Amino acid sequence: MDRDEELLRGRVYGQDHDDPRPGPRPGRVYAELVGGPLDGLLLDVTDRPPAAVPEGVSLETELGRYGADGRSLYDPRPGDAGRYDWSGDAP
């Protein structure tokens, strides 16, 4: 695992990299992002309505195929609400 990957592990997507507490917070619900450029990050799904879960998420990232203007797409893993699998990148 290289240094960049090491820094991402255990972090929550969307939290600032300089945040003194970059990890999960008590009272919140998280899903792990699996595969793709955001692999290993945690996604806060606390406020996601249950009806939205099957739709997946489109997350801004400069780490994907399209650089700074890109998004990575993640879909909930069937039968495992705690993991979202990467399904590709989009501009």
N, C-alpha and C. Protein backbone atom coordinates (compact mmCIF):
# COMPACT_ATOMS: atom_id res chain seq x y z
N MET A 1 0.85 -1.17 0.00
CA MET A 1 0.00 0.00 0.00
C MET A 1 0.90 1.24 0.00
N ASP A 2 0.67 2.17 -0.93
CA ASP A 2 1.51 3.38 -0.95
C ASP A 2 0.99 4.42 0.03
N ARG A 3 1.74 5.49 0.19
CA ARG A 3 1.43 6.52 1.20
C ARG A 3 0.05 7.15 0.98
N ASP A 4 -0.32 7.44 -0.28
CA ASP A 4 -1.64 8.03 -0.56
C ASP A 4 -2.76 7.10 -0.11
N GLU A 5 -2.63 5.82 -0.41
CA GLU A 5 -3.65 4.85 0.00
C GLU A 5 -3.73 4.78 1.52
N GLU A 6 -2.59 4.83 2.18
CA GLU A 6 -2.55 4.76 3.63
C GLU A 6 -3.29 5.94 4.26
N LEU A 7 -3.13 7.13 3.68
CA LEU A 7 -3.80 8.31 4.20
C LEU A 7 -5.31 8.24 4.04
N LEU A 8 -5.79 7.59 2.98
CA LEU A 8 -7.22 7.53 2.73
C LEU A 8 -7.93 6.54 3.65
N ARG A 9 -7.30 5.47 4.04
CA ARG A 9 -7.93 4.42 4.85
C ARG A 9 -8.43 4.97 6.18
N GLY A 10 -9.66 4.64 6.54
CA GLY A 10 -10.23 5.07 7.81
C GLY A 10 -10.76 6.48 7.81
N ARG A 11 -10.67 7.16 6.68
CA ARG A 11 -11.19 8.52 6.56
C ARG A 11 -12.60 8.49 6.03
N VAL A 12 -13.32 9.55 6.33
CA VAL A 12 -14.69 9.70 5.86
C VAL A 12 -14.69 10.60 4.63
N TYR A 13 -15.36 10.15 3.56
CA TYR A 13 -15.46 10.93 2.33
C TYR A 13 -16.05 12.30 2.67
N GLY A 14 -15.42 13.35 2.14
CA GLY A 14 -15.92 14.71 2.30
C GLY A 14 -15.32 15.45 3.47
N GLN A 15 -14.65 14.75 4.38
CA GLN A 15 -14.00 15.45 5.48
C GLN A 15 -12.67 16.00 5.00
N ASP A 16 -12.31 17.16 5.47
CA ASP A 16 -11.06 17.80 5.10
C ASP A 16 -9.88 16.95 5.54
N HIS A 17 -8.85 16.86 4.70
CA HIS A 17 -7.68 16.04 5.05
C HIS A 17 -6.93 16.60 6.25
N ASP A 18 -7.14 17.86 6.58
CA ASP A 18 -6.49 18.46 7.75
C ASP A 18 -7.34 18.35 9.02
N ASP A 19 -8.51 17.75 8.91
CA ASP A 19 -9.40 17.60 10.06
C ASP A 19 -8.67 16.81 11.15
N PRO A 20 -8.64 17.32 12.37
CA PRO A 20 -7.94 16.58 13.42
C PRO A 20 -8.61 15.24 13.76
N ARG A 21 -9.87 15.08 13.39
CA ARG A 21 -10.58 13.82 13.60
C ARG A 21 -11.14 13.35 12.26
N PRO A 22 -10.30 12.79 11.37
CA PRO A 22 -10.77 12.42 10.04
C PRO A 22 -11.58 11.13 9.99
N GLY A 23 -11.69 10.44 11.10
CA GLY A 23 -12.38 9.16 11.12
C GLY A 23 -13.86 9.28 11.41
N PRO A 24 -14.51 8.14 11.57
CA PRO A 24 -15.95 8.10 11.85
C PRO A 24 -16.28 8.77 13.19
N ARG A 25 -17.47 9.30 13.27
CA ARG A 25 -17.92 9.98 14.48
C ARG A 25 -19.06 9.19 15.13
N PRO A 26 -19.12 9.22 16.45
CA PRO A 26 -20.19 8.51 17.15
C PRO A 26 -21.57 8.99 16.73
N GLY A 27 -22.52 8.08 16.67
CA GLY A 27 -23.89 8.43 16.33
C GLY A 27 -24.16 8.54 14.85
N ARG A 28 -23.17 8.28 14.01
CA ARG A 28 -23.33 8.35 12.55
C ARG A 28 -23.28 6.93 11.99
N VAL A 29 -23.86 6.74 10.81
CA VAL A 29 -23.87 5.44 10.13
C VAL A 29 -23.03 5.58 8.87
N TYR A 30 -22.13 4.62 8.63
CA TYR A 30 -21.21 4.70 7.50
C TYR A 30 -21.27 3.43 6.67
N ALA A 31 -20.98 3.60 5.38
CA ALA A 31 -20.79 2.47 4.47
C ALA A 31 -19.38 2.59 3.90
N GLU A 32 -18.73 1.47 3.70
CA GLU A 32 -17.38 1.47 3.14
C GLU A 32 -17.45 1.51 1.62
N LEU A 33 -16.64 2.37 1.00
CA LEU A 33 -16.54 2.43 -0.46
C LEU A 33 -15.52 1.37 -0.88
N VAL A 34 -15.92 0.51 -1.81
CA VAL A 34 -15.09 -0.63 -2.22
C VAL A 34 -14.73 -0.51 -3.69
N GLY A 35 -13.43 -0.51 -3.98
CA GLY A 35 -12.95 -0.42 -5.36
C GLY A 35 -12.87 1.02 -5.83
N GLY A 36 -12.28 1.20 -7.00
CA GLY A 36 -12.18 2.53 -7.60
C GLY A 36 -11.29 3.46 -6.83
N PRO A 37 -11.31 4.73 -7.18
CA PRO A 37 -10.38 5.70 -6.60
C PRO A 37 -10.66 6.04 -5.14
N LEU A 38 -11.83 5.76 -4.64
CA LEU A 38 -12.16 6.10 -3.26
C LEU A 38 -12.18 4.87 -2.35
N ASP A 39 -11.59 3.79 -2.83
CA ASP A 39 -11.56 2.53 -2.10
C ASP A 39 -11.08 2.72 -0.66
N GLY A 40 -11.84 2.20 0.28
CA GLY A 40 -11.45 2.26 1.68
C GLY A 40 -12.00 3.45 2.44
N LEU A 41 -12.48 4.48 1.73
CA LEU A 41 -13.09 5.61 2.44
C LEU A 41 -14.44 5.18 2.98
N LEU A 42 -14.89 5.89 3.99
CA LEU A 42 -16.21 5.66 4.56
C LEU A 42 -17.16 6.75 4.07
N LEU A 43 -18.38 6.36 3.74
CA LEU A 43 -19.40 7.30 3.28
C LEU A 43 -20.45 7.42 4.36
N ASP A 44 -20.71 8.64 4.82
CA ASP A 44 -21.73 8.87 5.84
C ASP A 44 -23.10 8.70 5.18
N VAL A 45 -23.85 7.69 5.61
CA VAL A 45 -25.17 7.42 5.05
C VAL A 45 -26.27 7.64 6.08
N THR A 46 -25.93 8.32 7.16
CA THR A 46 -26.86 8.54 8.26
C THR A 46 -28.17 9.17 7.80
N ASP A 47 -28.10 10.19 6.98
CA ASP A 47 -29.29 10.94 6.58
C ASP A 47 -29.89 10.51 5.25
N ARG A 48 -29.40 9.42 4.68
CA ARG A 48 -29.95 8.94 3.40
C ARG A 48 -31.27 8.24 3.65
N PRO A 49 -32.33 8.68 2.99
CA PRO A 49 -33.61 7.98 3.16
C PRO A 49 -33.51 6.56 2.58
N PRO A 50 -34.14 5.59 3.22
CA PRO A 50 -34.05 4.19 2.75
C PRO A 50 -34.41 4.03 1.27
N ALA A 51 -35.32 4.84 0.76
CA ALA A 51 -35.72 4.73 -0.65
C ALA A 51 -34.59 5.13 -1.59
N ALA A 52 -33.64 5.93 -1.13
CA ALA A 52 -32.55 6.40 -1.98
C ALA A 52 -31.42 5.39 -2.09
N VAL A 53 -31.34 4.46 -1.18
CA VAL A 53 -30.22 3.51 -1.15
C VAL A 53 -30.04 2.74 -2.44
N PRO A 54 -31.08 2.18 -3.07
CA PRO A 54 -30.84 1.41 -4.29
C PRO A 54 -30.27 2.23 -5.44
N GLU A 55 -30.39 3.55 -5.38
CA GLU A 55 -29.93 4.39 -6.48
C GLU A 55 -28.42 4.58 -6.51
N GLY A 56 -27.74 4.37 -5.41
CA GLY A 56 -26.30 4.59 -5.38
C GLY A 56 -25.96 6.06 -5.26
N VAL A 57 -24.66 6.37 -5.40
CA VAL A 57 -24.20 7.74 -5.22
C VAL A 57 -23.19 8.11 -6.30
N SER A 58 -23.11 9.40 -6.58
CA SER A 58 -22.14 9.98 -7.50
C SER A 58 -21.32 10.95 -6.68
N LEU A 59 -20.03 10.63 -6.48
CA LEU A 59 -19.19 11.39 -5.56
C LEU A 59 -18.10 12.14 -6.31
N GLU A 60 -17.97 13.43 -6.03
CA GLU A 60 -16.92 14.24 -6.64
C GLU A 60 -15.56 13.74 -6.19
N THR A 61 -14.63 13.62 -7.15
CA THR A 61 -13.26 13.26 -6.81
C THR A 61 -12.33 13.64 -7.95
N GLU A 62 -11.15 14.06 -7.60
CA GLU A 62 -10.14 14.34 -8.62
C GLU A 62 -9.25 13.14 -8.83
N LEU A 63 -9.49 12.07 -8.09
CA LEU A 63 -8.66 10.88 -8.17
C LEU A 63 -9.08 9.92 -9.29
N GLY A 64 -10.25 10.13 -9.89
CA GLY A 64 -10.76 9.23 -10.91
C GLY A 64 -10.26 9.53 -12.31
N ARG A 65 -10.84 8.86 -13.25
CA ARG A 65 -10.47 8.93 -14.67
C ARG A 65 -10.55 10.34 -15.25
N TYR A 66 -11.49 11.15 -14.75
CA TYR A 66 -11.73 12.46 -15.35
C TYR A 66 -11.09 13.61 -14.59
N GLY A 67 -10.24 13.32 -13.63
CA GLY A 67 -9.52 14.37 -12.91
C GLY A 67 -10.41 15.24 -12.05
N ALA A 68 -10.04 16.51 -11.94
CA ALA A 68 -10.69 17.43 -11.01
C ALA A 68 -12.18 17.64 -11.26
N ASP A 69 -12.64 17.43 -12.47
CA ASP A 69 -14.07 17.62 -12.77
C ASP A 69 -14.87 16.32 -12.73
N GLY A 70 -14.24 15.25 -12.28
CA GLY A 70 -14.89 13.95 -12.35
C GLY A 70 -15.66 13.52 -11.12
N ARG A 71 -16.37 12.43 -11.31
CA ARG A 71 -17.16 11.81 -10.25
C ARG A 71 -16.92 10.31 -10.31
N SER A 72 -17.01 9.67 -9.17
CA SER A 72 -16.95 8.21 -9.10
C SER A 72 -18.32 7.72 -8.66
N LEU A 73 -18.77 6.67 -9.29
CA LEU A 73 -20.10 6.12 -9.05
C LEU A 73 -20.00 4.87 -8.18
N TYR A 74 -20.80 4.83 -7.13
CA TYR A 74 -20.82 3.69 -6.21
C TYR A 74 -22.26 3.26 -5.97
N ASP A 75 -22.47 1.94 -6.02
CA ASP A 75 -23.80 1.37 -5.79
C ASP A 75 -23.79 0.49 -4.55
N PRO A 76 -24.88 0.50 -3.77
CA PRO A 76 -24.92 -0.35 -2.59
C PRO A 76 -24.79 -1.82 -3.01
N ARG A 77 -24.04 -2.57 -2.23
CA ARG A 77 -23.86 -3.99 -2.51
C ARG A 77 -25.14 -4.72 -2.09
N PRO A 78 -25.74 -5.49 -3.00
CA PRO A 78 -26.96 -6.22 -2.65
C PRO A 78 -26.70 -7.13 -1.43
N GLY A 79 -27.56 -7.01 -0.45
CA GLY A 79 -27.46 -7.84 0.75
C GLY A 79 -26.44 -7.36 1.76
N ASP A 80 -25.76 -6.23 1.50
CA ASP A 80 -24.77 -5.72 2.43
C ASP A 80 -24.81 -4.19 2.40
N ALA A 81 -25.67 -3.61 3.21
CA ALA A 81 -25.85 -2.16 3.23
C ALA A 81 -24.61 -1.42 3.72
N GLY A 82 -23.65 -2.12 4.27
CA GLY A 82 -22.44 -1.50 4.79
C GLY A 82 -21.34 -1.32 3.77
N ARG A 83 -21.61 -1.71 2.51
CA ARG A 83 -20.59 -1.57 1.46
C ARG A 83 -21.23 -1.05 0.17
N TYR A 84 -20.52 -0.11 -0.46
CA TYR A 84 -20.92 0.42 -1.76
C TYR A 84 -19.80 0.07 -2.73
N ASP A 85 -20.14 -0.59 -3.84
CA ASP A 85 -19.16 -1.01 -4.82
C ASP A 85 -19.03 0.01 -5.96
N TRP A 86 -17.79 0.23 -6.39
CA TRP A 86 -17.51 1.15 -7.48
C TRP A 86 -18.07 0.59 -8.77
N SER A 87 -18.74 1.44 -9.54
CA SER A 87 -19.29 0.99 -10.82
C SER A 87 -18.73 1.80 -11.99
N GLY A 88 -17.81 2.74 -11.73
CA GLY A 88 -17.19 3.49 -12.81
C GLY A 88 -17.02 4.95 -12.47
N ASP A 89 -16.46 5.68 -13.43
CA ASP A 89 -16.26 7.12 -13.28
C ASP A 89 -17.08 7.85 -14.34
N ALA A 90 -17.39 9.10 -14.05
CA ALA A 90 -18.17 9.91 -14.98
C ALA A 90 -17.59 11.32 -14.99
N PRO A 91 -17.74 12.03 -16.12
CA PRO A 91 -17.24 13.41 -16.18
C PRO A 91 -18.11 14.34 -15.32
